[in-house]
Amino acid sequence: MKRQKDIEISKERIKILFEQAEKTKSQQLANKYVQTARKIAMKLNLRIPREYKRKFCKHCYKYFRNKNYRVRTKNKKVVYYCLNCKKYMRFPLSKR
């Protein structure tokens, strides 16, 4: 019972942290929110939801803003290119 309660609280905290990262104007503060959310998820061995996973770089953990990443589609994949660490991530293009 306690584990399930901790999971629900952690999911809510992760959601709040990503909302705060979206609202803030400071890139450094947004990066800190992402790091905190990741630590919470790792502590309880949770997966970060899909809509939040695509909002930060998997390599340098920087929050994506309009100036520090590039999005392209290639071979039925969405490619996110991080301009901070010069690496990219590929996600399958959903069938909608």
N, C-alpha and C. Protein backbone atom coordinates (compact mmCIF):
# COMPACT_ATOMS: atom_id res chain seq x y z
N MET A 1 0.82 -1.20 0.00
CA MET A 1 0.00 0.00 0.00
C MET A 1 0.86 1.26 0.00
N LYS A 2 1.89 1.24 0.81
CA LYS A 2 2.73 2.43 0.88
C LYS A 2 3.45 2.67 -0.44
N ARG A 3 3.89 1.62 -1.09
CA ARG A 3 4.58 1.74 -2.37
C ARG A 3 3.68 2.39 -3.42
N GLN A 4 2.42 1.97 -3.47
CA GLN A 4 1.48 2.53 -4.45
C GLN A 4 1.23 4.01 -4.16
N LYS A 5 1.16 4.37 -2.91
CA LYS A 5 0.95 5.77 -2.53
C LYS A 5 2.17 6.60 -2.92
N ASP A 6 3.37 6.06 -2.70
CA ASP A 6 4.59 6.77 -3.08
C ASP A 6 4.67 6.97 -4.59
N ILE A 7 4.22 5.99 -5.36
CA ILE A 7 4.24 6.09 -6.81
C ILE A 7 3.31 7.20 -7.28
N GLU A 8 2.12 7.26 -6.71
CA GLU A 8 1.16 8.30 -7.10
C GLU A 8 1.69 9.70 -6.77
N ILE A 9 2.28 9.84 -5.59
CA ILE A 9 2.85 11.13 -5.19
C ILE A 9 4.00 11.52 -6.12
N SER A 10 4.84 10.55 -6.47
CA SER A 10 5.98 10.82 -7.35
C SER A 10 5.53 11.23 -8.75
N LYS A 11 4.51 10.57 -9.28
CA LYS A 11 4.00 10.93 -10.60
C LYS A 11 3.46 12.36 -10.60
N GLU A 12 2.79 12.72 -9.52
CA GLU A 12 2.25 14.08 -9.42
C GLU A 12 3.39 15.10 -9.32
N ARG A 13 4.44 14.78 -8.58
CA ARG A 13 5.59 15.68 -8.47
C ARG A 13 6.29 15.87 -9.81
N ILE A 14 6.45 14.77 -10.56
CA ILE A 14 7.08 14.85 -11.88
C ILE A 14 6.25 15.74 -12.80
N LYS A 15 4.95 15.57 -12.75
CA LYS A 15 4.05 16.40 -13.57
C LYS A 15 4.21 17.87 -13.21
N ILE A 16 4.23 18.17 -11.93
CA ILE A 16 4.37 19.57 -11.48
C ILE A 16 5.72 20.14 -11.90
N LEU A 17 6.79 19.35 -11.78
CA LEU A 17 8.12 19.84 -12.15
C LEU A 17 8.20 20.17 -13.64
N PHE A 18 7.61 19.34 -14.48
CA PHE A 18 7.64 19.64 -15.92
C PHE A 18 6.76 20.84 -16.26
N GLU A 19 5.67 21.02 -15.53
CA GLU A 19 4.84 22.22 -15.74
C GLU A 19 5.62 23.47 -15.36
N GLN A 20 6.35 23.40 -14.26
CA GLN A 20 7.16 24.54 -13.84
C GLN A 20 8.28 24.82 -14.84
N ALA A 21 8.88 23.78 -15.38
CA ALA A 21 9.94 23.96 -16.38
C ALA A 21 9.38 24.64 -17.62
N GLU A 22 8.14 24.33 -17.97
CA GLU A 22 7.50 24.96 -19.12
C GLU A 22 7.22 26.45 -18.87
N LYS A 23 6.84 26.78 -17.66
CA LYS A 23 6.45 28.16 -17.33
C LYS A 23 7.64 29.09 -17.15
N THR A 24 8.73 28.58 -16.60
CA THR A 24 9.85 29.45 -16.25
C THR A 24 10.55 29.99 -17.49
N LYS A 25 11.12 31.17 -17.36
CA LYS A 25 11.85 31.78 -18.46
C LYS A 25 13.34 31.41 -18.43
N SER A 26 13.83 30.98 -17.28
CA SER A 26 15.24 30.65 -17.11
C SER A 26 15.53 29.23 -17.59
N GLN A 27 16.47 29.10 -18.50
CA GLN A 27 16.86 27.78 -19.01
C GLN A 27 17.53 26.95 -17.92
N GLN A 28 18.35 27.59 -17.09
CA GLN A 28 19.04 26.86 -16.03
C GLN A 28 18.06 26.29 -15.01
N LEU A 29 17.04 27.05 -14.68
CA LEU A 29 16.04 26.58 -13.73
C LEU A 29 15.23 25.43 -14.33
N ALA A 30 14.91 25.52 -15.61
CA ALA A 30 14.18 24.44 -16.29
C ALA A 30 15.02 23.16 -16.30
N ASN A 31 16.33 23.30 -16.53
CA ASN A 31 17.22 22.13 -16.50
C ASN A 31 17.24 21.50 -15.11
N LYS A 32 17.23 22.32 -14.09
CA LYS A 32 17.23 21.82 -12.71
C LYS A 32 15.93 21.06 -12.41
N TYR A 33 14.81 21.57 -12.91
CA TYR A 33 13.54 20.87 -12.73
C TYR A 33 13.57 19.49 -13.39
N VAL A 34 14.17 19.41 -14.56
CA VAL A 34 14.27 18.13 -15.26
C VAL A 34 15.15 17.17 -14.46
N GLN A 35 16.26 17.65 -13.95
CA GLN A 35 17.14 16.78 -13.16
C GLN A 35 16.43 16.27 -11.91
N THR A 36 15.67 17.13 -11.25
CA THR A 36 14.94 16.72 -10.06
C THR A 36 13.88 15.68 -10.40
N ALA A 37 13.17 15.88 -11.50
CA ALA A 37 12.15 14.92 -11.92
C ALA A 37 12.78 13.57 -12.23
N ARG A 38 13.93 13.58 -12.88
CA ARG A 38 14.63 12.32 -13.18
C ARG A 38 15.06 11.61 -11.91
N LYS A 39 15.56 12.36 -10.93
CA LYS A 39 15.99 11.74 -9.67
C LYS A 39 14.82 11.09 -8.94
N ILE A 40 13.66 11.77 -8.95
CA ILE A 40 12.47 11.20 -8.32
C ILE A 40 12.08 9.90 -9.01
N ALA A 41 12.10 9.90 -10.34
CA ALA A 41 11.73 8.71 -11.10
C ALA A 41 12.72 7.58 -10.86
N MET A 42 14.00 7.90 -10.80
CA MET A 42 15.00 6.85 -10.59
C MET A 42 14.91 6.28 -9.18
N LYS A 43 14.56 7.09 -8.21
CA LYS A 43 14.51 6.63 -6.84
C LYS A 43 13.44 5.54 -6.66
N LEU A 44 12.30 5.71 -7.33
CA LEU A 44 11.22 4.72 -7.22
C LEU A 44 11.14 3.79 -8.43
N ASN A 45 12.12 3.88 -9.33
CA ASN A 45 12.17 3.04 -10.51
C ASN A 45 10.91 3.21 -11.37
N LEU A 46 10.56 4.47 -11.64
CA LEU A 46 9.39 4.81 -12.46
C LEU A 46 9.83 5.22 -13.85
N ARG A 47 8.94 5.05 -14.80
CA ARG A 47 9.17 5.60 -16.13
C ARG A 47 8.58 6.99 -16.19
N ILE A 48 9.31 7.89 -16.81
CA ILE A 48 8.78 9.22 -17.05
C ILE A 48 7.79 9.10 -18.21
N PRO A 49 6.61 9.69 -18.11
CA PRO A 49 5.61 9.57 -19.18
C PRO A 49 6.12 10.06 -20.53
N ARG A 50 5.57 9.51 -21.60
CA ARG A 50 6.03 9.78 -22.96
C ARG A 50 6.01 11.26 -23.31
N GLU A 51 4.96 11.97 -22.90
CA GLU A 51 4.88 13.39 -23.27
C GLU A 51 5.98 14.22 -22.61
N TYR A 52 6.51 13.74 -21.48
CA TYR A 52 7.60 14.46 -20.82
C TYR A 52 8.97 14.00 -21.31
N LYS A 53 9.07 12.74 -21.72
CA LYS A 53 10.36 12.21 -22.20
C LYS A 53 10.89 12.98 -23.39
N ARG A 54 9.98 13.46 -24.21
CA ARG A 54 10.39 14.15 -25.43
C ARG A 54 10.66 15.63 -25.21
N LYS A 55 10.61 16.08 -23.98
CA LYS A 55 10.84 17.50 -23.69
C LYS A 55 12.24 17.79 -23.17
N PHE A 56 13.08 16.76 -23.09
CA PHE A 56 14.46 16.99 -22.68
C PHE A 56 15.39 16.02 -23.41
N CYS A 57 16.67 16.40 -23.46
CA CYS A 57 17.67 15.60 -24.16
C CYS A 57 18.05 14.39 -23.32
N LYS A 58 18.14 13.23 -23.94
CA LYS A 58 18.50 12.00 -23.23
C LYS A 58 19.99 11.92 -22.90
N HIS A 59 20.79 12.76 -23.54
CA HIS A 59 22.23 12.70 -23.36
C HIS A 59 22.74 13.73 -22.36
N CYS A 60 22.29 14.97 -22.49
CA CYS A 60 22.79 16.02 -21.60
C CYS A 60 21.72 16.48 -20.61
N TYR A 61 20.48 15.97 -20.73
CA TYR A 61 19.37 16.25 -19.83
C TYR A 61 18.98 17.73 -19.78
N LYS A 62 19.16 18.44 -20.87
CA LYS A 62 18.74 19.85 -20.95
C LYS A 62 17.30 19.90 -21.42
N TYR A 63 16.54 20.81 -20.84
CA TYR A 63 15.14 20.99 -21.22
C TYR A 63 15.09 21.65 -22.60
N PHE A 64 14.23 21.14 -23.47
CA PHE A 64 14.14 21.69 -24.82
C PHE A 64 13.32 22.97 -24.84
N ARG A 65 13.94 24.00 -25.35
CA ARG A 65 13.26 25.28 -25.63
C ARG A 65 13.30 25.47 -27.13
N ASN A 66 12.74 26.56 -27.61
CA ASN A 66 12.65 26.77 -29.05
C ASN A 66 14.00 27.05 -29.71
N LYS A 67 15.02 27.42 -28.97
CA LYS A 67 16.32 27.76 -29.55
C LYS A 67 17.36 26.66 -29.44
N ASN A 68 17.13 25.63 -28.62
CA ASN A 68 18.22 24.67 -28.40
C ASN A 68 17.95 23.26 -28.92
N TYR A 69 16.99 23.12 -29.83
CA TYR A 69 16.80 21.82 -30.46
C TYR A 69 16.15 21.97 -31.83
N ARG A 70 16.23 20.90 -32.61
CA ARG A 70 15.68 20.89 -33.96
C ARG A 70 14.89 19.59 -34.14
N VAL A 71 13.75 19.68 -34.79
CA VAL A 71 12.91 18.50 -35.00
C VAL A 71 12.77 18.27 -36.50
N ARG A 72 12.99 17.03 -36.92
CA ARG A 72 12.86 16.64 -38.32
C ARG A 72 12.16 15.29 -38.37
N THR A 73 11.61 14.96 -39.53
CA THR A 73 11.08 13.62 -39.75
C THR A 73 11.92 12.96 -40.84
N LYS A 74 12.23 11.69 -40.62
CA LYS A 74 13.06 10.96 -41.57
C LYS A 74 12.78 9.47 -41.41
N ASN A 75 12.45 8.83 -42.51
CA ASN A 75 12.22 7.38 -42.53
C ASN A 75 11.22 6.93 -41.46
N LYS A 76 10.09 7.57 -41.41
CA LYS A 76 9.02 7.26 -40.45
C LYS A 76 9.47 7.38 -39.00
N LYS A 77 10.39 8.28 -38.76
CA LYS A 77 10.85 8.56 -37.40
C LYS A 77 10.88 10.07 -37.18
N VAL A 78 10.67 10.48 -35.94
CA VAL A 78 10.83 11.88 -35.56
C VAL A 78 12.22 11.98 -34.95
N VAL A 79 13.03 12.90 -35.46
CA VAL A 79 14.41 13.05 -35.00
C VAL A 79 14.55 14.37 -34.27
N TYR A 80 14.93 14.30 -33.01
CA TYR A 80 15.20 15.49 -32.20
C TYR A 80 16.71 15.67 -32.15
N TYR A 81 17.19 16.82 -32.56
CA TYR A 81 18.62 17.12 -32.55
C TYR A 81 18.89 18.19 -31.49
N CYS A 82 19.70 17.87 -30.50
CA CYS A 82 20.02 18.79 -29.42
C CYS A 82 21.19 19.67 -29.86
N LEU A 83 21.01 20.97 -29.77
CA LEU A 83 22.07 21.89 -30.16
C LEU A 83 23.07 22.15 -29.04
N ASN A 84 22.79 21.64 -27.82
CA ASN A 84 23.73 21.78 -26.71
C ASN A 84 24.84 20.72 -26.80
N CYS A 85 24.45 19.47 -26.94
CA CYS A 85 25.43 18.38 -26.92
C CYS A 85 25.68 17.80 -28.32
N LYS A 86 24.97 18.29 -29.33
CA LYS A 86 25.13 17.87 -30.73
C LYS A 86 24.80 16.39 -30.95
N LYS A 87 23.90 15.84 -30.16
CA LYS A 87 23.47 14.46 -30.34
C LYS A 87 22.00 14.47 -30.73
N TYR A 88 21.51 13.32 -31.20
CA TYR A 88 20.13 13.26 -31.62
C TYR A 88 19.44 12.04 -31.05
N MET A 89 18.12 12.12 -31.00
CA MET A 89 17.29 11.03 -30.53
C MET A 89 16.24 10.74 -31.58
N ARG A 90 15.93 9.48 -31.80
CA ARG A 90 14.94 9.09 -32.78
C ARG A 90 13.78 8.38 -32.09
N PHE A 91 12.58 8.80 -32.46
CA PHE A 91 11.36 8.19 -31.95
C PHE A 91 10.53 7.74 -33.14
N PRO A 92 9.88 6.58 -33.04
CA PRO A 92 9.02 6.14 -34.15
C PRO A 92 7.84 7.10 -34.32
N LEU A 93 7.49 7.34 -35.56
CA LEU A 93 6.38 8.22 -35.88
C LEU A 93 5.09 7.44 -35.65
N SER A 94 4.21 7.99 -34.84
CA SER A 94 2.98 7.28 -34.52
C SER A 94 2.01 7.30 -35.69
N LYS A 95 1.17 6.29 -35.76
CA LYS A 95 0.20 6.20 -36.85
C LYS A 95 -1.10 6.86 -36.40
N ARG A 96 -1.27 8.12 -36.76
CA ARG A 96 -2.50 8.84 -36.41
C ARG A 96 -3.16 9.36 -37.64
